[in-house]
Amino acid sequence: MASTLGLSKALHNMVNNGLTTQHFMLRPFQRADLKAFAAYRADPQVAKYQSWSDYSDSDAITLYEGMDYTQFGAAGNWFQLAIVSTAGATLTKLVGDLALHFIDEQQVEIGFTIAPEYQGQHIAFEAVSALLDYLFIELHKHRVIAVTDTQNLACCRLLEKLHFRREAHYVKNTFFKGAWGDEYLYAMLKEEY
């Protein structure tokens, strides 16, 4: 019972308080984030390895309205967390986002996207590190995975820097933007963290 209450409290804290890193707040999306979110997702360089080609304000609104943060942590659901800069007086500058797919009760798939003007500044490393702490230490998840295009070298480097293990190379497994593409599956177990 105590572990269930602890888990419930950890989920509640994320939804209501977010996570704080040295430079950022990781929190559920707010309607005020959507304009900036849609803008960086519409950038061709950001969309290059993503499932979309074009991204509009209405796409952002549809995604936002489809997320029920009261179900945060429920198996089968995807959620986005905003990465917001804590520099300055307000917590309003969206610099990127994290995606979480609660595959089942013990496994989570993650993804991350950083706005182009903030790439190369170790934002994803800091944000994903904090997210892994939360998933393994607070939520006691068994396994975290990430899937990426084999040509997305920045993503591969980040996952390897975080000590994810490359578990699989899927060869021409996805028809993606007019061509067959390869993907890597990265994974980390709680005992490897």
Protein backbone atom coordinates (compact mmCIF):
# COMPACT_ATOMS: atom_id res chain seq x y z
CA MET A 1 0.00 0.00 0.00
CA ALA A 2 2.80 2.44 0.88
CA SER A 3 4.50 1.93 -2.50
CA THR A 4 1.18 2.54 -4.29
CA LEU A 5 0.69 5.76 -2.33
CA GLY A 6 4.27 6.82 -3.10
CA LEU A 7 3.75 6.17 -6.79
CA SER A 8 0.46 8.05 -6.77
CA LYS A 9 2.15 11.00 -5.03
CA ALA A 10 5.01 10.99 -7.59
CA LEU A 11 2.52 11.07 -10.48
CA HIS A 12 0.49 13.81 -8.76
CA ASN A 13 3.64 15.89 -8.15
CA MET A 14 4.64 15.75 -11.82
CA VAL A 15 1.23 16.92 -12.99
CA ASN A 16 0.92 19.69 -10.39
CA ASN A 17 4.52 20.79 -9.80
CA GLY A 18 6.63 19.45 -12.65
CA LEU A 19 10.33 18.66 -12.29
CA THR A 20 13.01 21.25 -11.76
CA THR A 21 16.53 20.91 -13.16
CA GLN A 22 19.39 23.37 -12.79
CA HIS A 23 18.17 25.47 -15.73
CA PHE A 24 14.70 24.20 -16.65
CA MET A 25 11.25 23.23 -15.48
CA LEU A 26 9.72 20.08 -16.99
CA ARG A 27 5.95 20.32 -16.70
CA PRO A 28 2.68 19.49 -18.44
CA PHE A 29 1.88 21.65 -21.44
CA GLN A 30 -0.23 24.75 -21.03
CA ARG A 31 -2.32 26.39 -23.72
CA ALA A 32 0.12 29.33 -23.72
CA ASP A 33 2.91 26.97 -24.91
CA LEU A 34 1.16 25.92 -28.10
CA LYS A 35 2.18 28.79 -30.41
CA ALA A 36 5.91 28.25 -29.74
CA PHE A 37 5.43 24.45 -29.82
CA ALA A 38 3.78 24.59 -33.26
CA ALA A 39 6.43 27.02 -34.54
CA TYR A 40 9.42 24.79 -33.80
CA ARG A 41 7.64 21.62 -34.87
CA ALA A 42 6.89 23.29 -38.24
CA ASP A 43 10.62 23.88 -38.82
CA PRO A 44 11.81 21.44 -41.56
CA GLN A 45 15.00 20.60 -39.62
CA VAL A 46 12.97 19.66 -36.54
CA ALA A 47 10.46 17.65 -38.60
CA LYS A 48 13.16 15.81 -40.57
CA TYR A 49 13.17 12.71 -38.32
CA GLN A 50 9.66 13.12 -36.93
CA SER A 51 6.39 11.58 -38.06
CA TRP A 52 5.04 14.90 -39.39
CA SER A 53 6.08 17.13 -42.27
CA ASP A 54 3.93 20.16 -41.57
CA TYR A 55 2.76 21.25 -38.13
CA SER A 56 0.16 23.92 -37.54
CA ASP A 57 -1.36 25.69 -34.56
CA SER A 58 -4.44 23.49 -34.98
CA ASP A 59 -2.21 20.36 -34.81
CA ALA A 60 -0.79 21.63 -31.52
CA ILE A 61 -4.26 22.35 -30.14
CA THR A 62 -5.50 18.89 -31.17
CA LEU A 63 -2.53 17.22 -29.45
CA TYR A 64 -2.97 19.34 -26.32
CA GLU A 65 -6.71 18.74 -26.09
CA GLY A 66 -6.16 15.00 -26.57
CA MET A 67 -3.92 14.72 -23.50
CA ASP A 68 -5.65 14.14 -20.20
CA TYR A 69 -3.00 14.80 -17.57
CA THR A 70 -5.33 13.32 -14.92
CA GLN A 71 -4.41 10.01 -16.61
CA PHE A 72 -0.66 10.74 -16.49
CA GLY A 73 1.18 7.45 -16.03
CA ALA A 74 -1.68 5.24 -17.24
CA ALA A 75 -0.56 2.39 -19.49
CA GLY A 76 -1.06 2.96 -23.21
CA ASN A 77 -1.03 6.77 -23.05
CA TRP A 78 1.33 9.35 -24.58
CA PHE A 79 2.06 12.67 -22.87
CA GLN A 80 4.17 15.70 -23.75
CA LEU A 81 6.08 17.64 -21.12
CA ALA A 82 7.22 21.18 -21.81
CA ILE A 83 10.88 22.06 -21.25
CA VAL A 84 10.70 25.65 -19.99
CA SER A 85 13.69 27.88 -19.27
CA THR A 86 13.97 29.10 -15.68
CA ALA A 87 16.34 31.92 -16.65
CA GLY A 88 14.81 35.32 -16.05
CA ALA A 89 11.83 36.35 -14.00
CA THR A 90 9.18 34.11 -15.53
CA LEU A 91 8.84 30.46 -16.46
CA THR A 92 7.38 31.01 -19.90
CA LYS A 93 10.10 30.38 -22.50
CA LEU A 94 9.42 27.01 -24.12
CA VAL A 95 12.69 25.55 -25.42
CA GLY A 96 11.55 22.02 -26.25
CA ASP A 97 9.50 19.06 -25.13
CA LEU A 98 9.71 15.50 -23.91
CA ALA A 99 7.36 12.73 -25.03
CA LEU A 100 6.45 9.87 -22.72
CA HIS A 101 4.60 6.75 -23.76
CA PHE A 102 3.62 4.61 -20.79
CA ILE A 103 3.80 1.29 -22.66
CA ASP A 104 2.62 -0.76 -19.70
CA GLU A 105 2.99 -0.62 -15.92
CA GLN A 106 6.78 -1.08 -16.03
CA GLN A 107 8.03 0.28 -19.37
CA VAL A 108 8.16 3.79 -20.84
CA GLU A 109 9.16 5.01 -24.28
CA ILE A 110 10.61 8.51 -24.41
CA GLY A 111 11.33 11.07 -27.09
CA PHE A 112 12.59 14.64 -27.12
CA THR A 113 12.49 17.66 -29.39
CA ILE A 114 14.43 20.90 -28.90
CA ALA A 115 13.61 24.14 -30.70
CA PRO A 116 16.32 24.90 -33.32
CA GLU A 117 17.60 28.05 -31.63
CA TYR A 118 18.30 26.07 -28.43
CA GLN A 119 19.89 22.96 -29.96
CA GLY A 120 23.51 22.18 -29.09
CA GLN A 121 23.23 23.73 -25.61
CA HIS A 122 22.92 20.46 -23.60
CA ILE A 123 19.22 21.11 -22.96
CA ALA A 124 18.12 17.63 -24.03
CA PHE A 125 20.86 16.04 -21.89
CA GLU A 126 19.75 17.95 -18.78
CA ALA A 127 16.05 17.36 -19.41
CA VAL A 128 16.31 13.65 -20.27
CA SER A 129 18.66 13.07 -17.29
CA ALA A 130 16.03 14.55 -14.96
CA LEU A 131 13.31 12.52 -16.67
CA LEU A 132 15.29 9.29 -16.18
CA ASP A 133 15.74 10.12 -12.49
CA TYR A 134 11.99 10.58 -12.22
CA LEU A 135 11.11 7.40 -14.14
CA PHE A 136 13.60 5.10 -12.39
CA ILE A 137 13.79 6.59 -8.89
CA GLU A 138 10.33 8.10 -8.33
CA LEU A 139 8.16 5.82 -10.47
CA HIS A 140 10.34 2.68 -10.15
CA LYS A 141 10.00 1.80 -13.83
CA HIS A 142 11.80 -1.32 -15.00
CA ARG A 143 12.78 -0.23 -18.53
CA VAL A 144 12.95 2.94 -20.61
CA ILE A 145 13.29 2.83 -24.40
CA ALA A 146 13.77 5.30 -27.24
CA VAL A 147 13.42 4.67 -30.99
CA THR A 148 15.20 6.88 -33.50
CA ASP A 149 16.02 7.10 -37.18
CA THR A 150 19.53 5.71 -37.72
CA GLN A 151 20.45 8.93 -39.54
CA ASN A 152 19.53 11.11 -36.54
CA LEU A 153 23.11 11.18 -35.28
CA ALA A 154 22.53 13.88 -32.64
CA CYS A 155 19.82 11.75 -31.04
CA CYS A 156 22.00 8.62 -31.17
CA ARG A 157 24.93 10.49 -29.57
CA LEU A 158 22.71 11.82 -26.78
CA LEU A 159 21.21 8.42 -25.97
CA GLU A 160 24.66 6.83 -25.92
CA LYS A 161 26.02 9.65 -23.72
CA LEU A 162 23.18 8.88 -21.32
CA HIS A 163 24.33 5.21 -21.34
CA PHE A 164 21.40 3.78 -23.24
CA ARG A 165 22.22 0.46 -24.87
CA ARG A 166 21.54 0.08 -28.60
CA GLU A 167 19.36 -3.01 -28.52
CA ALA A 168 18.20 -3.32 -32.10
CA HIS A 169 18.73 -2.07 -35.62
CA TYR A 170 15.50 -2.35 -37.57
CA VAL A 171 16.38 -2.45 -41.27
CA LYS A 172 13.93 -0.73 -43.63
CA ASN A 173 11.16 -1.29 -41.09
CA THR A 174 9.24 1.93 -41.64
CA PHE A 175 8.00 3.67 -44.77
CA PHE A 176 8.80 7.23 -43.86
CA LYS A 177 8.38 10.36 -45.98
CA GLY A 178 8.46 8.48 -49.26
CA ALA A 179 11.24 5.97 -48.53
CA TRP A 180 11.97 2.92 -46.41
CA GLY A 181 14.01 3.85 -43.37
CA ASP A 182 16.04 2.18 -40.64
CA GLU A 183 15.57 2.73 -36.92
CA TYR A 184 17.58 2.00 -33.78
CA LEU A 185 15.96 0.85 -30.57
CA TYR A 186 17.79 2.06 -27.46
CA ALA A 187 16.99 0.80 -23.96
CA MET A 188 18.02 1.12 -20.36
CA LEU A 189 17.03 -1.06 -17.41
CA LYS A 190 16.60 0.31 -13.90
CA GLU A 191 19.55 -1.76 -12.67
CA GLU A 192 21.74 -0.22 -15.41
CA TYR A 193 20.86 3.31 -14.36
